[in-house]
PDB file of all heavy atoms in Angstrom:
ATOM      1  N   PRO A   1      -5.324  -3.930   8.544  1.00  0.00           N
ATOM      2  CA  PRO A   1      -4.982  -5.157   9.294  1.00  0.00           C
ATOM      3  C   PRO A   1      -5.481  -6.424   8.621  1.00  0.00           C
ATOM      4  O   PRO A   1      -4.887  -7.495   8.752  1.00  0.00           O
ATOM      5  CB  PRO A   1      -5.609  -5.013  10.661  1.00  0.00           C
ATOM      6  CG  PRO A   1      -6.707  -3.995  10.428  1.00  0.00           C
ATOM      7  CD  PRO A   1      -6.262  -3.142   9.276  1.00  0.00           C
ATOM      8  N   ILE A   2      -6.493  -6.312   7.760  1.00  0.00           N
ATOM      9  CA  ILE A   2      -7.015  -7.518   7.066  1.00  0.00           C
ATOM     10  C   ILE A   2      -6.028  -7.918   5.982  1.00  0.00           C
ATOM     11  O   ILE A   2      -5.703  -9.143   5.869  1.00  0.00           O
ATOM     12  CB  ILE A   2      -8.399  -7.224   6.453  1.00  0.00           C
ATOM     13  CG1 ILE A   2      -9.395  -6.867   7.558  1.00  0.00           C
ATOM     14  CG2 ILE A   2      -8.867  -8.397   5.624  1.00  0.00           C
ATOM     15  CD1 ILE A   2     -10.679  -6.258   7.039  1.00  0.00           C
ATOM     16  N   GLN A   3      -5.531  -6.996   5.205  1.00  0.00           N
ATOM     17  CA  GLN A   3      -4.544  -7.286   4.179  1.00  0.00           C
ATOM     18  C   GLN A   3      -3.091  -7.340   4.687  1.00  0.00           C
ATOM     19  O   GLN A   3      -2.213  -7.691   3.970  1.00  0.00           O
ATOM     20  CB  GLN A   3      -4.687  -6.241   3.024  1.00  0.00           C
ATOM     21  CG  GLN A   3      -6.068  -6.132   2.422  1.00  0.00           C
ATOM     22  CD  GLN A   3      -6.608  -7.393   1.877  1.00  0.00           C
ATOM     23  OE1 GLN A   3      -5.865  -8.187   1.272  1.00  0.00           O
ATOM     24  NE2 GLN A   3      -7.867  -7.684   2.110  1.00  0.00           N
ATOM     25  N   GLN A   4      -2.921  -6.862   5.912  1.00  0.00           N
ATOM     26  CA  GLN A   4      -1.621  -6.810   6.570  1.00  0.00           C
ATOM     27  C   GLN A   4      -0.617  -5.956   5.842  1.00  0.00           C
ATOM     28  O   GLN A   4       0.549  -6.314   5.620  1.00  0.00           O
ATOM     29  CB  GLN A   4      -1.073  -8.198   6.750  1.00  0.00           C
ATOM     30  CG  GLN A   4      -1.999  -9.116   7.602  1.00  0.00           C
ATOM     31  CD  GLN A   4      -1.501 -10.555   7.671  1.00  0.00           C
ATOM     32  OE1 GLN A   4      -0.323 -10.746   7.992  1.00  0.00           O
ATOM     33  NE2 GLN A   4      -2.314 -11.490   7.362  1.00  0.00           N
ATOM     34  N   VAL A   5      -1.057  -4.735   5.445  1.00  0.00           N
ATOM     35  CA  VAL A   5      -0.229  -3.833   4.723  1.00  0.00           C
ATOM     36  C   VAL A   5      -0.457  -2.384   5.234  1.00  0.00           C
ATOM     37  O   VAL A   5      -1.485  -2.082   5.811  1.00  0.00           O
ATOM     38  CB  VAL A   5      -0.452  -3.826   3.206  1.00  0.00           C
ATOM     39  CG1 VAL A   5      -0.031  -5.140   2.589  1.00  0.00           C
ATOM     40  CG2 VAL A   5      -1.916  -3.526   2.846  1.00  0.00           C
ATOM     41  N   ARG A   6       0.546  -1.525   4.986  1.00  0.00           N
ATOM     42  CA  ARG A   6       0.400  -0.025   5.165  1.00  0.00           C
ATOM     43  C   ARG A   6       0.269   0.511   3.732  1.00  0.00           C
ATOM     44  O   ARG A   6       0.970   0.051   2.814  1.00  0.00           O
ATOM     45  CB  ARG A   6       1.563   0.531   5.885  1.00  0.00           C
ATOM     46  CG  ARG A   6       1.483   0.261   7.394  1.00  0.00           C
ATOM     47  CD  ARG A   6       2.591   0.970   8.190  1.00  0.00           C
ATOM     48  NE  ARG A   6       3.886   0.287   7.970  1.00  0.00           N
ATOM     49  CZ  ARG A   6       4.309  -0.767   8.618  1.00  0.00           C
ATOM     50  NH1 ARG A   6       3.515  -1.381   9.479  1.00  0.00           N
ATOM     51  NH2 ARG A   6       5.471  -1.286   8.400  1.00  0.00           N
ATOM     52  N   ILE A   7      -0.592   1.495   3.598  1.00  0.00           N
ATOM     53  CA  ILE A   7      -0.956   2.001   2.229  1.00  0.00           C
ATOM     54  C   ILE A   7      -0.841   3.533   2.216  1.00  0.00           C
ATOM     55  O   ILE A   7      -1.178   4.206   3.135  1.00  0.00           O
ATOM     56  CB  ILE A   7      -2.373   1.592   1.892  1.00  0.00           C
ATOM     57  CG1 ILE A   7      -2.558   0.078   1.916  1.00  0.00           C
ATOM     58  CG2 ILE A   7      -2.801   2.182   0.552  1.00  0.00           C
ATOM     59  CD1 ILE A   7      -3.990  -0.425   1.891  1.00  0.00           C
ATOM     60  N   GLN A   8      -0.360   4.023   1.069  1.00  0.00           N
ATOM     61  CA  GLN A   8      -0.370   5.432   0.755  1.00  0.00           C
ATOM     62  C   GLN A   8      -0.820   5.591  -0.675  1.00  0.00           C
ATOM     63  O   GLN A   8      -0.176   5.061  -1.596  1.00  0.00           O
ATOM     64  CB  GLN A   8       1.036   6.064   0.914  1.00  0.00           C
ATOM     65  CG  GLN A   8       1.166   7.475   0.403  1.00  0.00           C
ATOM     66  CD  GLN A   8       0.468   8.479   1.315  1.00  0.00           C
ATOM     67  OE1 GLN A   8       0.921   8.656   2.456  1.00  0.00           O
ATOM     68  NE2 GLN A   8      -0.588   9.093   0.861  1.00  0.00           N
ATOM     69  N   PHE A   9      -1.922   6.275  -0.917  1.00  0.00           N
ATOM     70  CA  PHE A   9      -2.332   6.632  -2.259  1.00  0.00           C
ATOM     71  C   PHE A   9      -1.644   7.920  -2.682  1.00  0.00           C
ATOM     72  O   PHE A   9      -1.517   8.813  -1.873  1.00  0.00           O
ATOM     73  CB  PHE A   9      -3.848   6.761  -2.350  1.00  0.00           C
ATOM     74  CG  PHE A   9      -4.587   5.481  -2.315  1.00  0.00           C
ATOM     75  CD1 PHE A   9      -5.254   5.047  -1.203  1.00  0.00           C
ATOM     76  CD2 PHE A   9      -4.629   4.650  -3.451  1.00  0.00           C
ATOM     77  CE1 PHE A   9      -5.901   3.873  -1.167  1.00  0.00           C
ATOM     78  CE2 PHE A   9      -5.303   3.444  -3.405  1.00  0.00           C
ATOM     79  CZ  PHE A   9      -5.941   3.030  -2.308  1.00  0.00           C
ATOM     80  N   VAL A  10      -1.217   8.001  -3.964  1.00  0.00           N
ATOM     81  CA  VAL A  10      -0.702   9.200  -4.510  1.00  0.00           C
ATOM     82  C   VAL A  10      -1.308   9.432  -5.847  1.00  0.00           C
ATOM     83  O   VAL A  10      -1.729   8.479  -6.541  1.00  0.00           O
ATOM     84  CB  VAL A  10       0.875   9.183  -4.624  1.00  0.00           C
ATOM     85  CG1 VAL A  10       1.535   9.051  -3.259  1.00  0.00           C
ATOM     86  CG2 VAL A  10       1.338   8.072  -5.538  1.00  0.00           C
ATOM     87  N   SER A  11      -1.401  10.713  -6.254  1.00  0.00           N
ATOM     88  CA  SER A  11      -1.985  11.046  -7.540  1.00  0.00           C
ATOM     89  C   SER A  11      -1.377  12.264  -8.114  1.00  0.00           C
ATOM     90  O   SER A  11      -0.632  13.009  -7.395  1.00  0.00           O
ATOM     91  CB  SER A  11      -3.509  11.233  -7.422  1.00  0.00           C
ATOM     92  OG  SER A  11      -3.800  12.298  -6.527  1.00  0.00           O
ATOM     93  N   GLY A  12      -1.540  12.479  -9.416  1.00  0.00           N
ATOM     94  CA  GLY A  12      -1.034  13.697 -10.014  1.00  0.00           C
ATOM     95  C   GLY A  12      -0.427  13.535 -11.391  1.00  0.00           C
ATOM     96  O   GLY A  12      -0.925  14.001 -12.360  1.00  0.00           O
ATOM     97  N   GLY A  13       0.721  12.812 -11.458  1.00  0.00           N
ATOM     98  CA  GLY A  13       1.483  12.801 -12.737  1.00  0.00           C
ATOM     99  C   GLY A  13       1.019  11.758 -13.742  1.00  0.00           C
ATOM    100  O   GLY A  13       1.530  11.737 -14.853  1.00  0.00           O
ATOM    101  N   GLY A  14       0.090  10.926 -13.400  1.00  0.00           N
ATOM    102  CA  GLY A  14      -0.382   9.847 -14.295  1.00  0.00           C
ATOM    103  C   GLY A  14      -1.497   9.108 -13.587  1.00  0.00           C
ATOM    104  O   GLY A  14      -2.257   9.721 -12.829  1.00  0.00           O
ATOM    105  N   PRO A  15      -1.549   7.786 -13.723  1.00  0.00           N
ATOM    106  CA  PRO A  15      -2.568   7.064 -13.071  1.00  0.00           C
ATOM    107  C   PRO A  15      -2.404   7.112 -11.507  1.00  0.00           C
ATOM    108  O   PRO A  15      -1.287   7.326 -11.019  1.00  0.00           O
ATOM    109  CB  PRO A  15      -2.397   5.594 -13.502  1.00  0.00           C
ATOM    110  CG  PRO A  15      -1.057   5.564 -14.228  1.00  0.00           C
ATOM    111  CD  PRO A  15      -0.637   6.962 -14.505  1.00  0.00           C
ATOM    112  N   ARG A  16      -3.493   6.987 -10.779  1.00  0.00           N
ATOM    113  CA  ARG A  16      -3.427   6.948  -9.317  1.00  0.00           C
ATOM    114  C   ARG A  16      -2.604   5.716  -8.915  1.00  0.00           C
ATOM    115  O   ARG A  16      -2.784   4.665  -9.470  1.00  0.00           O
ATOM    116  CB  ARG A  16      -4.830   6.823  -8.808  1.00  0.00           C
ATOM    117  CG  ARG A  16      -4.934   6.888  -7.300  1.00  0.00           C
ATOM    118  CD  ARG A  16      -6.385   6.730  -6.855  1.00  0.00           C
ATOM    119  NE  ARG A  16      -6.555   7.083  -5.469  1.00  0.00           N
ATOM    120  CZ  ARG A  16      -7.429   6.535  -4.676  1.00  0.00           C
ATOM    121  NH1 ARG A  16      -8.218   5.573  -5.145  1.00  0.00           N
ATOM    122  NH2 ARG A  16      -7.511   6.880  -3.434  1.00  0.00           N
ATOM    123  N   LEU A  17      -1.698   5.920  -7.953  1.00  0.00           N
ATOM    124  CA  LEU A  17      -0.866   4.864  -7.482  1.00  0.00           C
ATOM    125  C   LEU A  17      -1.218   4.479  -6.086  1.00  0.00           C
ATOM    126  O   LEU A  17      -1.506   5.369  -5.265  1.00  0.00           O
ATOM    127  CB  LEU A  17       0.611   5.210  -7.599  1.00  0.00           C
ATOM    128  CG  LEU A  17       1.136   5.616  -8.953  1.00  0.00           C
ATOM    129  CD1 LEU A  17       2.612   6.018  -8.827  1.00  0.00           C
ATOM    130  CD2 LEU A  17       0.983   4.470  -9.945  1.00  0.00           C
ATOM    131  N   GLU A  18      -1.111   3.216  -5.744  1.00  0.00           N
ATOM    132  CA  GLU A  18      -1.281   2.700  -4.379  1.00  0.00           C
ATOM    133  C   GLU A  18       0.067   2.120  -3.970  1.00  0.00           C
ATOM    134  O   GLU A  18       0.529   1.136  -4.510  1.00  0.00           O
ATOM    135  CB  GLU A  18      -2.349   1.628  -4.310  1.00  0.00           C
ATOM    136  CG  GLU A  18      -2.551   1.033  -2.944  1.00  0.00           C
ATOM    137  CD  GLU A  18      -3.565  -0.140  -2.976  1.00  0.00           C
ATOM    138  OE1 GLU A  18      -3.827  -0.694  -4.062  1.00  0.00           O
ATOM    139  OE2 GLU A  18      -4.021  -0.471  -1.906  1.00  0.00           O
ATOM    140  N   LEU A  19       0.751   2.840  -3.065  1.00  0.00           N
ATOM    141  CA  LEU A  19       2.030   2.348  -2.553  1.00  0.00           C
ATOM    142  C   LEU A  19       1.757   1.504  -1.303  1.00  0.00           C
ATOM    143  O   LEU A  19       1.053   1.947  -0.409  1.00  0.00           O
ATOM    144  CB  LEU A  19       2.956   3.513  -2.221  1.00  0.00           C
ATOM    145  CG  LEU A  19       3.124   4.521  -3.329  1.00  0.00           C
ATOM    146  CD1 LEU A  19       4.002   5.724  -2.856  1.00  0.00           C
ATOM    147  CD2 LEU A  19       3.757   3.916  -4.581  1.00  0.00           C
ATOM    148  N   ILE A  20       2.342   0.310  -1.287  1.00  0.00           N
ATOM    149  CA  ILE A  20       2.099  -0.580  -0.158  1.00  0.00           C
ATOM    150  C   ILE A  20       3.392  -1.097   0.423  1.00  0.00           C
ATOM    151  O   ILE A  20       4.371  -1.211  -0.280  1.00  0.00           O
ATOM    152  CB  ILE A  20       1.159  -1.762  -0.511  1.00  0.00           C
ATOM    153  CG1 ILE A  20       1.792  -2.644  -1.616  1.00  0.00           C
ATOM    154  CG2 ILE A  20      -0.210  -1.271  -0.944  1.00  0.00           C
ATOM    155  CD1 ILE A  20       1.023  -3.912  -1.875  1.00  0.00           C
ATOM    156  N   GLU A  21       3.328  -1.379   1.738  1.00  0.00           N
ATOM    157  CA  GLU A  21       4.484  -2.050   2.349  1.00  0.00           C
ATOM    158  C   GLU A  21       3.934  -3.003   3.380  1.00  0.00           C
ATOM    159  O   GLU A  21       2.786  -2.828   3.856  1.00  0.00           O
ATOM    160  CB  GLU A  21       5.420  -1.035   3.046  1.00  0.00           C
ATOM    161  CG  GLU A  21       4.795  -0.309   4.203  1.00  0.00           C
ATOM    162  CD  GLU A  21       5.758   0.680   4.831  1.00  0.00           C
ATOM    163  OE1 GLU A  21       6.921   0.746   4.476  1.00  0.00           O
ATOM    164  OE2 GLU A  21       5.307   1.452   5.702  1.00  0.00           O
ATOM    165  N   PRO A  22       4.691  -4.083   3.715  1.00  0.00           N
ATOM    166  CA  PRO A  22       4.181  -5.030   4.700  1.00  0.00           C
ATOM    167  C   PRO A  22       3.984  -4.402   6.051  1.00  0.00           C
ATOM    168  O   PRO A  22       4.761  -3.548   6.448  1.00  0.00           O
ATOM    169  CB  PRO A  22       5.264  -6.094   4.740  1.00  0.00           C
ATOM    170  CG  PRO A  22       6.369  -5.672   3.853  1.00  0.00           C
ATOM    171  CD  PRO A  22       6.006  -4.382   3.227  1.00  0.00           C
ATOM    172  N   ALA A  23       2.929  -4.826   6.735  1.00  0.00           N
ATOM    173  CA  ALA A  23       2.698  -4.335   8.094  1.00  0.00           C
ATOM    174  C   ALA A  23       3.160  -5.377   9.116  1.00  0.00           C
ATOM    175  O   ALA A  23       2.960  -5.158  10.308  1.00  0.00           O
ATOM    176  CB  ALA A  23       1.213  -4.018   8.265  1.00  0.00           C
ATOM    177  N   GLY A  24       3.774  -6.424   8.685  1.00  0.00           N
ATOM    178  CA  GLY A  24       4.297  -7.451   9.575  1.00  0.00           C
ATOM    179  C   GLY A  24       4.834  -8.597   8.784  1.00  0.00           C
ATOM    180  O   GLY A  24       4.738  -8.700   7.599  1.00  0.00           O
ATOM    181  N   ALA A  25       5.467  -9.516   9.512  1.00  0.00           N
ATOM    182  CA  ALA A  25       6.131 -10.664   8.891  1.00  0.00           C
ATOM    183  C   ALA A  25       5.151 -11.597   8.143  1.00  0.00           C
ATOM    184  O   ALA A  25       5.550 -12.328   7.230  1.00  0.00           O
ATOM    185  CB  ALA A  25       6.939 -11.460   9.919  1.00  0.00           C
ATOM    186  N   GLN A  26       3.837 -11.577   8.544  1.00  0.00           N
ATOM    187  CA  GLN A  26       2.908 -12.443   7.881  1.00  0.00           C
ATOM    188  C   GLN A  26       2.224 -11.844   6.673  1.00  0.00           C
ATOM    189  O   GLN A  26       1.355 -12.435   6.034  1.00  0.00           O
ATOM    190  CB  GLN A  26       1.842 -12.889   8.946  1.00  0.00           C
ATOM    191  CG  GLN A  26       2.416 -13.637  10.117  1.00  0.00           C
ATOM    192  CD  GLN A  26       3.180 -14.886   9.699  1.00  0.00           C
ATOM    193  OE1 GLN A  26       2.659 -15.691   8.872  1.00  0.00           O
ATOM    194  NE2 GLN A  26       4.366 -15.055  10.217  1.00  0.00           N
ATOM    195  N   SER A  27       2.549 -10.614   6.320  1.00  0.00           N
ATOM    196  CA  SER A  27       1.969  -9.961   5.168  1.00  0.00           C
ATOM    197  C   SER A  27       2.284 -10.671   3.880  1.00  0.00           C
ATOM    198  O   SER A  27       3.429 -11.066   3.688  1.00  0.00           O
ATOM    199  CB  SER A  27       2.498  -8.473   5.124  1.00  0.00           C
ATOM    200  OG  SER A  27       2.066  -7.877   3.929  1.00  0.00           O
ATOM    201  N   PRO A  28       1.331 -10.839   2.998  1.00  0.00           N
ATOM    202  CA  PRO A  28       1.615 -11.437   1.677  1.00  0.00           C
ATOM    203  C   PRO A  28       2.694 -10.702   0.922  1.00  0.00           C
ATOM    204  O   PRO A  28       3.436 -11.292   0.098  1.00  0.00           O
ATOM    205  CB  PRO A  28       0.288 -11.428   0.942  1.00  0.00           C
ATOM    206  CG  PRO A  28      -0.706 -11.040   1.941  1.00  0.00           C
ATOM    207  CD  PRO A  28      -0.071 -10.473   3.138  1.00  0.00           C
TER     208      PRO A  28
END
């Protein structure tokens, strides 16, 4: 809620990835 995003970390095929999506209209 501080960054206003939803996050999913994934790993395996290369570098660790952080997938993000907005959690609301005010998300950066």
